[in-house]
């Protein structure tokens, strides 16, 4: 008989959170150090108007990606039991943010190819949370 290991239930969510932390670090680097490239390639922003303001906002988002990347990695290593809750919190925060932007009248006008990446990112969070809850 295999003994029950309570820490084993945290392996999947903490591993996924660790990987998402690495992804966020990459996103942070792209949004801050390669902001012009990211704005053209993924965000598809029209930089002919308020160029510096748009790049500043994209860079500021990159700074928050650097922060969340480090936080996700630290949680996955030092507080693995919290990983599944963090994975649920991520899409919930984006949902609240989307509601807030809609109620403020903000509507995206660019192609924003990053949205497809973010759908996958948020999907991974939700699927991992559900799978982690199904495990004994």
N, C-alpha and C. Protein backbone atom coordinates (compact mmCIF):
# COMPACT_ATOMS: atom_id res chain seq x y z
N UNK A 1 0.84 -1.18 0.00
CA UNK A 1 0.00 0.00 0.00
C UNK A 1 0.89 1.25 0.00
N UNK A 2 0.54 2.20 -0.87
CA UNK A 2 1.31 3.44 -0.96
C UNK A 2 0.81 4.39 0.12
N UNK A 3 1.72 4.91 0.93
CA UNK A 3 1.29 5.84 1.98
C UNK A 3 0.81 7.17 1.37
N UNK A 4 -0.17 7.76 2.01
CA UNK A 4 -0.71 9.05 1.56
C UNK A 4 0.28 10.16 1.90
N UNK A 5 0.62 10.94 0.91
CA UNK A 5 1.53 12.06 1.10
C UNK A 5 0.76 13.35 0.87
N UNK A 6 0.41 14.08 1.94
CA UNK A 6 -0.40 15.29 1.77
C UNK A 6 0.28 16.35 0.91
N UNK A 7 1.61 16.39 0.90
CA UNK A 7 2.31 17.40 0.10
C UNK A 7 2.16 17.13 -1.39
N UNK A 8 1.86 15.89 -1.78
CA UNK A 8 1.74 15.54 -3.19
C UNK A 8 0.60 16.29 -3.87
N UNK A 9 -0.42 16.66 -3.13
CA UNK A 9 -1.55 17.36 -3.73
C UNK A 9 -1.19 18.77 -4.19
N UNK A 10 -0.06 19.29 -3.69
CA UNK A 10 0.36 20.64 -4.06
C UNK A 10 1.35 20.67 -5.21
N UNK A 11 1.79 19.49 -5.66
CA UNK A 11 2.81 19.44 -6.71
C UNK A 11 2.32 20.08 -8.00
N UNK A 12 1.14 19.69 -8.47
CA UNK A 12 0.62 20.24 -9.73
C UNK A 12 0.42 21.75 -9.65
N UNK A 13 -0.37 22.26 -8.70
CA UNK A 13 -0.58 23.71 -8.70
C UNK A 13 0.69 24.52 -8.45
N UNK A 14 1.58 24.02 -7.60
CA UNK A 14 2.80 24.80 -7.35
C UNK A 14 3.73 24.77 -8.56
N UNK A 15 3.75 23.66 -9.28
CA UNK A 15 4.58 23.58 -10.49
C UNK A 15 4.03 24.52 -11.57
N UNK A 16 2.72 24.49 -11.76
CA UNK A 16 2.11 25.38 -12.76
C UNK A 16 2.31 26.84 -12.36
N UNK A 17 2.16 27.16 -11.09
CA UNK A 17 2.37 28.54 -10.64
C UNK A 17 3.82 28.96 -10.84
N UNK A 18 4.75 28.05 -10.60
CA UNK A 18 6.17 28.34 -10.84
C UNK A 18 6.40 28.68 -12.32
N UNK A 19 5.83 27.86 -13.20
CA UNK A 19 5.98 28.10 -14.65
C UNK A 19 5.33 29.42 -15.05
N UNK A 20 4.15 29.71 -14.50
CA UNK A 20 3.50 30.99 -14.80
C UNK A 20 4.34 32.16 -14.28
N UNK A 21 5.02 31.94 -13.17
CA UNK A 21 5.94 32.97 -12.67
C UNK A 21 7.05 33.24 -13.66
N UNK A 22 7.61 32.18 -14.25
CA UNK A 22 8.64 32.36 -15.27
C UNK A 22 8.07 33.08 -16.50
N UNK A 23 6.84 32.71 -16.88
CA UNK A 23 6.18 33.37 -18.01
C UNK A 23 5.98 34.85 -17.71
N UNK A 24 5.55 35.16 -16.50
CA UNK A 24 5.36 36.57 -16.14
C UNK A 24 6.67 37.33 -16.14
N UNK A 25 7.75 36.69 -15.71
CA UNK A 25 9.06 37.35 -15.79
C UNK A 25 9.41 37.66 -17.24
N UNK A 26 9.15 36.72 -18.14
CA UNK A 26 9.40 36.95 -19.56
C UNK A 26 8.52 38.08 -20.08
N UNK A 27 7.25 38.05 -19.73
CA UNK A 27 6.34 39.13 -20.15
C UNK A 27 6.82 40.48 -19.62
N UNK A 28 7.29 40.48 -18.37
CA UNK A 28 7.80 41.72 -17.78
C UNK A 28 8.99 42.26 -18.54
N UNK A 29 9.91 41.38 -18.92
CA UNK A 29 11.08 41.80 -19.69
C UNK A 29 10.65 42.34 -21.06
N UNK A 30 9.73 41.64 -21.72
CA UNK A 30 9.26 42.09 -23.03
C UNK A 30 8.55 43.43 -22.94
N UNK A 31 7.72 43.62 -21.91
CA UNK A 31 6.94 44.85 -21.77
C UNK A 31 7.78 46.04 -21.32
N UNK A 32 8.93 45.79 -20.70
CA UNK A 32 9.74 46.91 -20.21
C UNK A 32 10.97 47.15 -21.09
N UNK A 33 11.78 46.13 -21.29
CA UNK A 33 13.03 46.30 -22.02
C UNK A 33 12.87 46.23 -23.54
N UNK A 34 11.78 45.62 -24.00
CA UNK A 34 11.50 45.51 -25.43
C UNK A 34 10.12 46.08 -25.73
N UNK A 35 9.79 47.18 -25.08
CA UNK A 35 8.45 47.74 -25.12
C UNK A 35 8.03 48.15 -26.53
N UNK A 36 8.95 48.71 -27.32
CA UNK A 36 8.59 49.11 -28.69
C UNK A 36 8.23 47.89 -29.53
N UNK A 37 9.02 46.84 -29.41
CA UNK A 37 8.75 45.61 -30.15
C UNK A 37 7.43 44.99 -29.70
N UNK A 38 7.19 44.93 -28.39
CA UNK A 38 5.96 44.34 -27.86
C UNK A 38 4.73 45.13 -28.30
N UNK A 39 4.86 46.45 -28.33
CA UNK A 39 3.74 47.30 -28.74
C UNK A 39 3.36 47.06 -30.19
N UNK A 40 4.36 46.83 -31.04
CA UNK A 40 4.09 46.60 -32.46
C UNK A 40 3.66 45.16 -32.73
N UNK A 41 4.34 44.21 -32.08
CA UNK A 41 4.15 42.79 -32.39
C UNK A 41 2.90 42.20 -31.76
N UNK A 42 2.72 42.42 -30.47
CA UNK A 42 1.62 41.78 -29.76
C UNK A 42 0.44 42.72 -29.48
N UNK A 43 0.73 43.92 -29.01
CA UNK A 43 -0.35 44.83 -28.65
C UNK A 43 -0.98 45.48 -29.89
N UNK A 44 -0.22 45.56 -30.98
CA UNK A 44 -0.70 46.19 -32.21
C UNK A 44 -1.27 47.58 -31.94
N UNK A 45 -0.53 48.34 -31.13
CA UNK A 45 -0.98 49.69 -30.76
C UNK A 45 -0.72 50.67 -31.89
N UNK A 46 -1.59 51.64 -32.01
CA UNK A 46 -1.39 52.74 -32.96
C UNK A 46 -0.56 53.79 -32.22
N UNK A 47 0.73 53.77 -32.47
CA UNK A 47 1.64 54.65 -31.75
C UNK A 47 1.78 56.02 -32.39
N UNK A 48 0.93 56.32 -33.39
CA UNK A 48 0.98 57.64 -34.01
C UNK A 48 0.35 58.69 -33.10
N UNK A 49 -0.40 58.26 -32.10
CA UNK A 49 -1.04 59.17 -31.17
C UNK A 49 -0.61 58.80 -29.75
N UNK A 50 -0.17 59.76 -28.99
CA UNK A 50 0.22 59.58 -27.59
C UNK A 50 1.21 58.41 -27.42
N UNK A 51 2.20 58.36 -28.30
CA UNK A 51 3.17 57.27 -28.33
C UNK A 51 3.81 57.03 -26.96
N UNK A 52 4.38 58.08 -26.39
CA UNK A 52 5.11 57.92 -25.13
C UNK A 52 4.18 57.49 -23.99
N UNK A 53 2.96 58.00 -23.98
CA UNK A 53 2.01 57.60 -22.94
C UNK A 53 1.66 56.12 -23.06
N UNK A 54 1.41 55.67 -24.28
CA UNK A 54 1.08 54.26 -24.48
C UNK A 54 2.24 53.36 -24.09
N UNK A 55 3.45 53.74 -24.48
CA UNK A 55 4.62 52.94 -24.14
C UNK A 55 4.88 52.95 -22.63
N UNK A 56 4.62 54.08 -22.00
CA UNK A 56 4.77 54.16 -20.54
C UNK A 56 3.79 53.22 -19.85
N UNK A 57 2.55 53.21 -20.30
CA UNK A 57 1.55 52.33 -19.70
C UNK A 57 1.89 50.86 -19.94
N UNK A 58 2.35 50.53 -21.14
CA UNK A 58 2.75 49.16 -21.43
C UNK A 58 3.95 48.76 -20.57
N UNK A 59 4.89 49.68 -20.40
CA UNK A 59 6.05 49.43 -19.54
C UNK A 59 5.65 49.27 -18.08
N UNK A 60 4.70 50.08 -17.63
CA UNK A 60 4.22 49.95 -16.25
C UNK A 60 3.57 48.59 -16.02
N UNK A 61 2.85 48.11 -17.03
CA UNK A 61 2.27 46.76 -16.94
C UNK A 61 3.39 45.73 -16.85
N UNK A 62 4.47 45.96 -17.59
CA UNK A 62 5.62 45.06 -17.52
C UNK A 62 6.24 45.01 -16.14
N UNK A 63 6.28 46.14 -15.48
CA UNK A 63 6.81 46.17 -14.11
C UNK A 63 5.94 45.30 -13.20
N UNK A 64 4.63 45.37 -13.37
CA UNK A 64 3.75 44.53 -12.55
C UNK A 64 3.92 43.05 -12.91
N UNK A 65 4.23 42.75 -14.18
CA UNK A 65 4.54 41.37 -14.56
C UNK A 65 5.80 40.87 -13.87
N UNK A 66 6.81 41.71 -13.77
CA UNK A 66 8.04 41.33 -13.06
C UNK A 66 7.72 41.02 -11.60
N UNK A 67 6.90 41.86 -11.01
CA UNK A 67 6.51 41.66 -9.60
C UNK A 67 5.72 40.37 -9.42
N UNK A 68 4.69 40.16 -10.24
CA UNK A 68 3.88 38.94 -10.08
C UNK A 68 4.71 37.70 -10.38
N UNK A 69 5.62 37.79 -11.33
CA UNK A 69 6.48 36.65 -11.63
C UNK A 69 7.28 36.21 -10.42
N UNK A 70 7.90 37.16 -9.75
CA UNK A 70 8.68 36.84 -8.55
C UNK A 70 7.77 36.32 -7.44
N UNK A 71 6.62 36.95 -7.26
CA UNK A 71 5.69 36.51 -6.21
C UNK A 71 5.19 35.10 -6.48
N UNK A 72 4.83 34.80 -7.72
CA UNK A 72 4.35 33.46 -8.05
C UNK A 72 5.43 32.41 -7.78
N UNK A 73 6.65 32.70 -8.15
CA UNK A 73 7.75 31.76 -7.92
C UNK A 73 7.97 31.57 -6.42
N UNK A 74 7.97 32.64 -5.67
CA UNK A 74 8.16 32.52 -4.21
C UNK A 74 7.04 31.71 -3.56
N UNK A 75 5.80 31.98 -3.94
CA UNK A 75 4.67 31.22 -3.38
C UNK A 75 4.79 29.75 -3.74
N UNK A 76 5.12 29.46 -4.99
CA UNK A 76 5.19 28.07 -5.43
C UNK A 76 6.27 27.30 -4.67
N UNK A 77 7.31 27.97 -4.25
CA UNK A 77 8.41 27.31 -3.53
C UNK A 77 8.19 27.32 -2.02
N UNK A 78 7.83 28.47 -1.49
CA UNK A 78 7.78 28.63 -0.03
C UNK A 78 6.40 28.41 0.59
N UNK A 79 5.34 28.49 -0.20
CA UNK A 79 3.99 28.35 0.34
C UNK A 79 3.12 27.56 -0.65
N UNK A 80 3.60 26.38 -1.03
CA UNK A 80 2.92 25.56 -2.03
C UNK A 80 1.43 25.36 -1.77
N UNK A 81 0.98 25.20 -0.51
CA UNK A 81 -0.45 25.02 -0.27
C UNK A 81 -1.31 26.20 -0.73
N UNK A 82 -0.72 27.36 -0.93
CA UNK A 82 -1.47 28.52 -1.41
C UNK A 82 -1.56 28.58 -2.93
N UNK A 83 -0.78 27.77 -3.61
CA UNK A 83 -0.68 27.86 -5.08
C UNK A 83 -2.01 27.72 -5.78
N UNK A 84 -2.83 26.75 -5.37
CA UNK A 84 -4.10 26.58 -6.08
C UNK A 84 -5.02 27.78 -5.87
N UNK A 85 -4.97 28.40 -4.70
CA UNK A 85 -5.80 29.58 -4.46
C UNK A 85 -5.31 30.78 -5.28
N UNK A 86 -4.01 30.89 -5.44
CA UNK A 86 -3.46 31.95 -6.27
C UNK A 86 -3.89 31.73 -7.72
N UNK A 87 -3.86 30.48 -8.17
CA UNK A 87 -4.28 30.17 -9.54
C UNK A 87 -5.74 30.54 -9.78
N UNK A 88 -6.59 30.41 -8.77
CA UNK A 88 -7.98 30.83 -8.90
C UNK A 88 -8.10 32.35 -8.85
N UNK A 89 -7.27 32.98 -8.04
CA UNK A 89 -7.32 34.44 -7.88
C UNK A 89 -6.96 35.17 -9.18
N UNK A 90 -6.04 34.60 -9.96
CA UNK A 90 -5.58 35.27 -11.18
C UNK A 90 -6.73 35.52 -12.15
N UNK A 91 -7.49 34.49 -12.59
CA UNK A 91 -8.59 34.79 -13.52
C UNK A 91 -9.70 35.62 -12.87
N UNK A 92 -9.89 35.46 -11.57
CA UNK A 92 -10.91 36.29 -10.89
C UNK A 92 -10.52 37.76 -10.94
N UNK A 93 -9.23 38.05 -10.73
CA UNK A 93 -8.76 39.44 -10.78
C UNK A 93 -8.92 40.01 -12.18
N UNK A 94 -8.62 39.21 -13.20
CA UNK A 94 -8.79 39.68 -14.58
C UNK A 94 -10.27 39.91 -14.89
N UNK A 95 -11.14 39.06 -14.37
CA UNK A 95 -12.58 39.24 -14.59
C UNK A 95 -13.07 40.53 -13.95
N UNK A 96 -12.65 40.78 -12.72
CA UNK A 96 -13.04 42.03 -12.04
C UNK A 96 -12.49 43.23 -12.80
N UNK A 97 -11.23 43.11 -13.27
CA UNK A 97 -10.64 44.20 -14.05
C UNK A 97 -11.39 44.46 -15.34
N UNK A 98 -11.80 43.38 -16.02
CA UNK A 98 -12.57 43.53 -17.27
C UNK A 98 -13.90 44.21 -17.00
N UNK A 99 -14.55 43.82 -15.92
CA UNK A 99 -15.83 44.46 -15.55
C UNK A 99 -15.61 45.93 -15.25
N UNK A 100 -14.56 46.22 -14.51
CA UNK A 100 -14.25 47.61 -14.17
C UNK A 100 -13.98 48.46 -15.40
N UNK A 101 -13.22 47.91 -16.35
CA UNK A 101 -12.93 48.67 -17.57
C UNK A 101 -14.20 48.88 -18.40
N UNK A 102 -15.03 47.85 -18.48
CA UNK A 102 -16.28 47.99 -19.25
C UNK A 102 -17.20 49.03 -18.63
N UNK A 103 -17.34 49.00 -17.31
CA UNK A 103 -18.22 49.98 -16.66
C UNK A 103 -17.64 51.39 -16.74
N UNK A 104 -16.33 51.50 -17.00
CA UNK A 104 -15.71 52.80 -17.18
C UNK A 104 -15.74 53.26 -18.62
N UNK A 105 -16.29 52.42 -19.50
CA UNK A 105 -16.41 52.80 -20.90
C UNK A 105 -15.17 52.53 -21.75
N UNK A 106 -14.24 51.74 -21.24
CA UNK A 106 -13.02 51.43 -21.99
C UNK A 106 -13.31 50.29 -22.96
N UNK A 107 -12.96 50.51 -24.24
CA UNK A 107 -13.16 49.48 -25.26
C UNK A 107 -11.87 49.37 -26.06
N UNK A 108 -11.38 48.15 -26.18
CA UNK A 108 -10.15 47.92 -26.95
C UNK A 108 -10.40 48.22 -28.42
N UNK A 109 -9.44 48.89 -29.06
CA UNK A 109 -9.57 49.21 -30.47
C UNK A 109 -8.48 48.58 -31.31
N UNK A 110 -7.41 48.07 -30.68
CA UNK A 110 -6.33 47.47 -31.45
C UNK A 110 -6.56 45.97 -31.57
N UNK A 111 -5.77 45.34 -32.44
CA UNK A 111 -5.90 43.89 -32.67
C UNK A 111 -5.52 43.10 -31.42
N UNK A 112 -4.54 43.56 -30.66
CA UNK A 112 -4.11 42.97 -29.39
C UNK A 112 -4.02 41.45 -29.43
N UNK A 113 -3.01 40.95 -30.13
CA UNK A 113 -2.80 39.52 -30.24
C UNK A 113 -2.51 38.87 -28.90
N UNK A 114 -2.06 39.64 -27.94
CA UNK A 114 -1.80 39.11 -26.61
C UNK A 114 -3.03 38.56 -25.92
N UNK A 115 -4.21 38.95 -26.38
CA UNK A 115 -5.44 38.47 -25.75
C UNK A 115 -5.58 36.96 -25.88
N UNK A 116 -5.12 36.40 -27.00
CA UNK A 116 -5.22 34.95 -27.19
C UNK A 116 -4.26 34.22 -26.25
N UNK A 117 -3.10 34.79 -26.06
CA UNK A 117 -2.16 34.24 -25.09
C UNK A 117 -2.77 34.28 -23.69
N UNK A 118 -3.38 35.42 -23.37
CA UNK A 118 -3.96 35.57 -22.03
C UNK A 118 -5.15 34.63 -21.81
N UNK A 119 -5.90 34.33 -22.84
CA UNK A 119 -7.00 33.37 -22.70
C UNK A 119 -6.43 32.01 -22.32
N UNK A 120 -5.34 31.61 -22.97
CA UNK A 120 -4.68 30.35 -22.63
C UNK A 120 -4.12 30.38 -21.22
N UNK A 121 -3.50 31.48 -20.85
CA UNK A 121 -2.92 31.68 -19.52
C UNK A 121 -3.99 31.52 -18.44
N UNK A 122 -5.10 32.21 -18.64
CA UNK A 122 -6.20 32.14 -17.67
C UNK A 122 -6.85 30.76 -17.67
N UNK A 123 -6.94 30.13 -18.84
CA UNK A 123 -7.47 28.77 -18.93
C UNK A 123 -6.60 27.78 -18.16
N UNK A 124 -5.30 27.90 -18.28
CA UNK A 124 -4.38 27.03 -17.54
C UNK A 124 -4.60 27.21 -16.04
N UNK A 125 -4.78 28.44 -15.60
CA UNK A 125 -5.04 28.70 -14.18
C UNK A 125 -6.30 27.97 -13.71
N UNK A 126 -7.38 28.12 -14.47
CA UNK A 126 -8.65 27.51 -14.07
C UNK A 126 -8.62 25.98 -14.11
N UNK A 127 -8.06 25.44 -15.19
CA UNK A 127 -7.99 23.98 -15.31
C UNK A 127 -7.13 23.39 -14.20
N UNK A 128 -6.00 24.02 -13.92
CA UNK A 128 -5.12 23.52 -12.85
C UNK A 128 -5.81 23.60 -11.50
N UNK A 129 -6.54 24.69 -11.26
CA UNK A 129 -7.26 24.80 -9.99
C UNK A 129 -8.27 23.67 -9.85
N UNK A 130 -9.06 23.44 -10.89
CA UNK A 130 -10.07 22.37 -10.85
C UNK A 130 -9.41 21.02 -10.64
N UNK A 131 -8.36 20.73 -11.38
CA UNK A 131 -7.65 19.45 -11.22
C UNK A 131 -7.08 19.29 -9.81
N UNK A 132 -6.57 20.38 -9.26
CA UNK A 132 -6.00 20.31 -7.91
C UNK A 132 -7.08 20.06 -6.85
N UNK A 133 -8.27 20.53 -7.12
CA UNK A 133 -9.39 20.31 -6.18
C UNK A 133 -9.93 18.88 -6.30
N UNK A 134 -9.77 18.24 -7.44
CA UNK A 134 -10.26 16.89 -7.64
C UNK A 134 -9.36 15.83 -7.01
N UNK A 135 -8.11 16.17 -6.79
CA UNK A 135 -7.17 15.22 -6.21
C UNK A 135 -7.44 15.05 -4.73
N UNK A 136 -7.28 13.83 -4.21
CA UNK A 136 -7.52 13.60 -2.77
C UNK A 136 -6.48 14.24 -1.90
